[in-house]
C-alpha atoms as a PDB file:
ATOM      1  CA  UNK A   1       6.208-107.258 -13.039  1.00  0.00           C
ATOM      2  CA  UNK A   2       4.899-110.644 -11.980  1.00  0.00           C
ATOM      3  CA  UNK A   3       7.651-112.337  -9.987  1.00  0.00           C
ATOM      4  CA  UNK A   4       8.389-116.007  -9.321  1.00  0.00           C
ATOM      5  CA  UNK A   5       5.892-116.011  -6.416  1.00  0.00           C
ATOM      6  CA  UNK A   6       2.938-115.243  -8.725  1.00  0.00           C
ATOM      7  CA  UNK A   7       1.233-118.493  -9.720  1.00  0.00           C
ATOM      8  CA  UNK A   8      -1.777-117.116 -11.566  1.00  0.00           C
ATOM      9  CA  UNK A   9      -2.238-113.722 -13.172  1.00  0.00           C
ATOM     10  CA  UNK A  10      -6.027-113.591 -12.917  1.00  0.00           C
ATOM     11  CA  UNK A  11      -6.693-112.326 -16.406  1.00  0.00           C
ATOM     12  CA  UNK A  12      -7.997-113.482 -19.750  1.00  0.00           C
ATOM     13  CA  UNK A  13      -6.904-112.077 -23.089  1.00  0.00           C
ATOM     14  CA  UNK A  14      -8.162-112.316 -26.642  1.00  0.00           C
ATOM     15  CA  UNK A  15      -7.267-110.963 -30.036  1.00  0.00           C
ATOM     16  CA  UNK A  16      -9.645-108.005 -30.343  1.00  0.00           C
ATOM     17  CA  UNK A  17      -8.701-107.544 -33.987  1.00  0.00           C
ATOM     18  CA  UNK A  18      -5.671-108.821 -35.913  1.00  0.00           C
ATOM     19  CA  UNK A  19      -2.528-107.825 -34.036  1.00  0.00           C
ATOM     20  CA  UNK A  20      -4.345-106.327 -31.017  1.00  0.00           C
ATOM     21  CA  UNK A  21      -4.217-108.384 -27.818  1.00  0.00           C
ATOM     22  CA  UNK A  22      -6.778-107.126 -25.306  1.00  0.00           C
ATOM     23  CA  UNK A  23      -7.529-107.990 -21.692  1.00  0.00           C
ATOM     24  CA  UNK A  24     -11.073-109.384 -21.647  1.00  0.00           C
ATOM     25  CA  UNK A  25     -11.432-110.297 -17.971  1.00  0.00           C
ATOM     26  CA  UNK A  26      -9.687-109.457 -14.696  1.00  0.00           C
ATOM     27  CA  UNK A  27     -10.414-111.469 -11.542  1.00  0.00           C
ATOM     28  CA  UNK A  28     -10.938-109.391  -8.402  1.00  0.00           C
ATOM     29  CA  UNK A  29      -8.049-109.649  -5.917  1.00  0.00           C
ATOM     30  CA  UNK A  30      -5.717-111.197  -8.502  1.00  0.00           C
ATOM     31  CA  UNK A  31      -2.251-110.056  -9.545  1.00  0.00           C
ATOM     32  CA  UNK A  32      -3.797-108.409 -12.643  1.00  0.00           C
ATOM     33  CA  UNK A  33      -6.345-106.586 -10.463  1.00  0.00           C
ATOM     34  CA  UNK A  34      -3.604-105.377  -8.101  1.00  0.00           C
ATOM     35  CA  UNK A  35      -1.577-104.243 -11.149  1.00  0.00           C
ATOM     36  CA  UNK A  36      -4.669-102.195 -12.148  1.00  0.00           C
ATOM     37  CA  UNK A  37      -5.207-103.971 -15.468  1.00  0.00           C
ATOM     38  CA  UNK A  38      -8.695-103.351 -16.852  1.00  0.00           C
ATOM     39  CA  UNK A  39     -10.842-105.138 -19.439  1.00  0.00           C
ATOM     40  CA  UNK A  40     -10.152-103.477 -22.776  1.00  0.00           C
ATOM     41  CA  UNK A  41      -6.502-102.661 -22.003  1.00  0.00           C
ATOM     42  CA  UNK A  42      -4.243-103.638 -24.893  1.00  0.00           C
ATOM     43  CA  UNK A  43      -1.121-105.667 -24.184  1.00  0.00           C
ATOM     44  CA  UNK A  44       1.525-104.220 -26.471  1.00  0.00           C
ATOM     45  CA  UNK A  45       4.634-106.050 -25.231  1.00  0.00           C
ATOM     46  CA  UNK A  46       5.327-109.003 -22.969  1.00  0.00           C
ATOM     47  CA  UNK A  47       8.871-109.321 -21.580  1.00  0.00           C
ATOM     48  CA  UNK A  48      10.033-106.690 -24.107  1.00  0.00           C
ATOM     49  CA  UNK A  49       8.686-108.687 -27.067  1.00  0.00           C
ATOM     50  CA  UNK A  50       5.754-107.653 -29.272  1.00  0.00           C
ATOM     51  CA  UNK A  51       2.613-109.393 -28.013  1.00  0.00           C
ATOM     52  CA  UNK A  52       0.856-111.655 -30.524  1.00  0.00           C
ATOM     53  CA  UNK A  53      -1.708-114.422 -30.121  1.00  0.00           C
ATOM     54  CA  UNK A  54       1.033-116.813 -31.245  1.00  0.00           C
ATOM     55  CA  UNK A  55       3.250-116.010 -28.250  1.00  0.00           C
ATOM     56  CA  UNK A  56       0.904-114.704 -25.557  1.00  0.00           C
ATOM     57  CA  UNK A  57       0.110-118.125 -24.047  1.00  0.00           C
ATOM     58  CA  UNK A  58       3.779-119.037 -23.764  1.00  0.00           C
ATOM     59  CA  UNK A  59       4.735-115.681 -22.265  1.00  0.00           C
ATOM     60  CA  UNK A  60       1.927-115.610 -19.714  1.00  0.00           C
ATOM     61  CA  UNK A  61       3.443-118.704 -18.095  1.00  0.00           C
ATOM     62  CA  UNK A  62       6.920-117.145 -17.740  1.00  0.00           C
ATOM     63  CA  UNK A  63       8.214-115.511 -14.552  1.00  0.00           C
ATOM     64  CA  UNK A  64       9.318-112.865 -14.113  1.00  0.00           C
ATOM     65  CA  UNK A  65       6.764-111.357 -16.470  1.00  0.00           C
ATOM     66  CA  UNK A  66       6.390-107.739 -17.495  1.00  0.00           C
ATOM     67  CA  UNK A  67       3.809-106.001 -19.678  1.00  0.00           C
ATOM     68  CA  UNK A  68       3.632-102.823 -21.686  1.00  0.00           C
ATOM     69  CA  UNK A  69      -0.057-101.927 -21.677  1.00  0.00           C
ATOM     70  CA  UNK A  70      -2.028 -99.343 -23.636  1.00  0.00           C
ATOM     71  CA  UNK A  71      -4.887 -98.316 -21.317  1.00  0.00           C
ATOM     72  CA  UNK A  72      -8.446 -98.731 -22.507  1.00  0.00           C
ATOM     73  CA  UNK A  73     -10.535 -95.639 -23.250  1.00  0.00           C
ATOM     74  CA  UNK A  74     -14.232 -96.224 -23.953  1.00  0.00           C
ATOM     75  CA  UNK A  75     -15.412 -95.147 -27.380  1.00  0.00           C
ATOM     76  CA  UNK A  76     -17.733 -92.197 -27.070  1.00  0.00           C
ATOM     77  CA  UNK A  77     -19.762 -90.827 -29.908  1.00  0.00           C
ATOM     78  CA  UNK A  78     -21.859 -87.683 -29.910  1.00  0.00           C
ATOM     79  CA  UNK A  79     -24.471 -87.353 -32.624  1.00  0.00           C
ATOM     80  CA  UNK A  80     -25.560 -84.197 -34.382  1.00  0.00           C
ATOM     81  CA  UNK A  81     -29.206 -83.381 -34.993  1.00  0.00           C
ATOM     82  CA  UNK A  82     -30.677 -84.605 -38.255  1.00  0.00           C
ATOM     83  CA  UNK A  83     -33.461 -83.208 -40.358  1.00  0.00           C
ATOM     84  CA  UNK A  84     -36.013 -84.694 -37.943  1.00  0.00           C
ATOM     85  CA  UNK A  85     -34.587 -82.346 -35.266  1.00  0.00           C
ATOM     86  CA  UNK A  86     -33.379 -85.036 -32.881  1.00  0.00           C
ATOM     87  CA  UNK A  87     -31.186 -83.435 -30.242  1.00  0.00           C
ATOM     88  CA  UNK A  88     -27.454 -84.069 -29.978  1.00  0.00           C
ATOM     89  CA  UNK A  89     -26.674 -86.799 -27.480  1.00  0.00           C
ATOM     90  CA  UNK A  90     -23.797 -88.874 -26.252  1.00  0.00           C
ATOM     91  CA  UNK A  91     -23.690 -92.625 -26.797  1.00  0.00           C
ATOM     92  CA  UNK A  92     -20.980 -94.804 -25.265  1.00  0.00           C
ATOM     93  CA  UNK A  93     -19.621 -98.141 -26.413  1.00  0.00           C
ATOM     94  CA  UNK A  94     -18.485 -99.631 -23.124  1.00  0.00           C
ATOM     95  CA  UNK A  95     -15.735-102.195 -22.539  1.00  0.00           C
ATOM     96  CA  UNK A  96     -18.004-105.133 -23.432  1.00  0.00           C
ATOM     97  CA  UNK A  97     -18.630-103.827 -26.953  1.00  0.00           C
ATOM     98  CA  UNK A  98     -16.154-105.271 -29.457  1.00  0.00           C
ATOM     99  CA  UNK A  99     -18.054-104.421 -32.644  1.00  0.00           C
ATOM    100  CA  UNK A 100     -20.181-101.346 -33.194  1.00  0.00           C
ATOM    101  CA  UNK A 101     -22.206-102.758 -36.082  1.00  0.00           C
ATOM    102  CA  UNK A 102     -22.011 -99.381 -37.803  1.00  0.00           C
ATOM    103  CA  UNK A 103     -20.322 -98.230 -41.015  1.00  0.00           C
ATOM    104  CA  UNK A 104     -18.932 -94.715 -41.248  1.00  0.00           C
ATOM    105  CA  UNK A 105     -18.029 -92.546 -44.207  1.00  0.00           C
ATOM    106  CA  UNK A 106     -15.452 -89.765 -44.063  1.00  0.00           C
ATOM    107  CA  UNK A 107     -16.911 -87.945 -47.050  1.00  0.00           C
ATOM    108  CA  UNK A 108     -16.922 -85.066 -47.359  1.00  0.00           C
ATOM    109  CA  UNK A 109     -13.496 -84.700 -45.679  1.00  0.00           C
ATOM    110  CA  UNK A 110     -13.735 -83.522 -42.075  1.00  0.00           C
ATOM    111  CA  UNK A 111     -17.173 -85.047 -41.550  1.00  0.00           C
ATOM    112  CA  UNK A 112     -17.810 -88.540 -40.147  1.00  0.00           C
ATOM    113  CA  UNK A 113     -21.274 -89.845 -40.981  1.00  0.00           C
ATOM    114  CA  UNK A 114     -23.091 -93.130 -40.376  1.00  0.00           C
ATOM    115  CA  UNK A 115     -23.186 -94.371 -43.979  1.00  0.00           C
ATOM    116  CA  UNK A 116     -25.511 -97.380 -43.650  1.00  0.00           C
ATOM    117  CA  UNK A 117     -28.250 -98.540 -41.322  1.00  0.00           C
ATOM    118  CA  UNK A 118     -26.694-100.300 -38.288  1.00  0.00           C
ATOM    119  CA  UNK A 119     -26.518-104.093 -38.342  1.00  0.00           C
ATOM    120  CA  UNK A 120     -29.648-105.638 -36.820  1.00  0.00           C
ATOM    121  CA  UNK A 121     -29.146-106.415 -33.117  1.00  0.00           C
ATOM    122  CA  UNK A 122     -25.850-104.521 -32.963  1.00  0.00           C
ATOM    123  CA  UNK A 123     -24.728-101.900 -30.465  1.00  0.00           C
ATOM    124  CA  UNK A 124     -25.371 -99.217 -33.103  1.00  0.00           C
ATOM    125  CA  UNK A 125     -28.980-100.290 -33.502  1.00  0.00           C
ATOM    126  CA  UNK A 126     -29.452-100.623 -29.730  1.00  0.00           C
ATOM    127  CA  UNK A 127     -28.400 -97.005 -29.092  1.00  0.00           C
ATOM    128  CA  UNK A 128     -30.520 -95.738 -31.991  1.00  0.00           C
ATOM    129  CA  UNK A 129     -27.884 -94.715 -34.530  1.00  0.00           C
ATOM    130  CA  UNK A 130     -29.314 -94.143 -37.991  1.00  0.00           C
ATOM    131  CA  UNK A 131     -27.939 -93.626 -41.449  1.00  0.00           C
ATOM    132  CA  UNK A 132     -27.036 -89.957 -41.858  1.00  0.00           C
ATOM    133  CA  UNK A 133     -26.152 -89.329 -38.200  1.00  0.00           C
ATOM    134  CA  UNK A 134     -22.965 -87.292 -37.766  1.00  0.00           C
ATOM    135  CA  UNK A 135     -20.197 -87.940 -35.242  1.00  0.00           C
ATOM    136  CA  UNK A 136     -19.193 -84.638 -33.649  1.00  0.00           C
ATOM    137  CA  UNK A 137     -16.641 -85.952 -31.143  1.00  0.00           C
ATOM    138  CA  UNK A 138     -14.998 -89.290 -30.431  1.00  0.00           C
ATOM    139  CA  UNK A 139     -12.997 -90.460 -27.395  1.00  0.00           C
ATOM    140  CA  UNK A 140     -13.193 -87.175 -25.534  1.00  0.00           C
END
């Protein structure tokens, strides 16, 4: 809870995708840093109200101020070998990655496969994902 004495929170937020408010920056030594907020954390509620981009600016100015936060977990993907015998490996989309630039298909059921070549210049291309790669585990 940020009390009356807290002038600045020391954080920036943005709408990661529709309806998801995420912390994008935390200033070292700030109230947000001391509250252990991390970039990527999702703000679910502010002062017991659902957090939206329409109300977040207004609420962040209120004191006292309380948050319900869903902690960030980096997206981890492990690829299976393909016909060219590439070894399985782990690739991680860190907190700064908002879009993977990769399309997945869940067909056949129980199998998640990269269904198209990654978008040029995207995270998926940077880490070497290719059409046909299989995801063995996610968010371990």
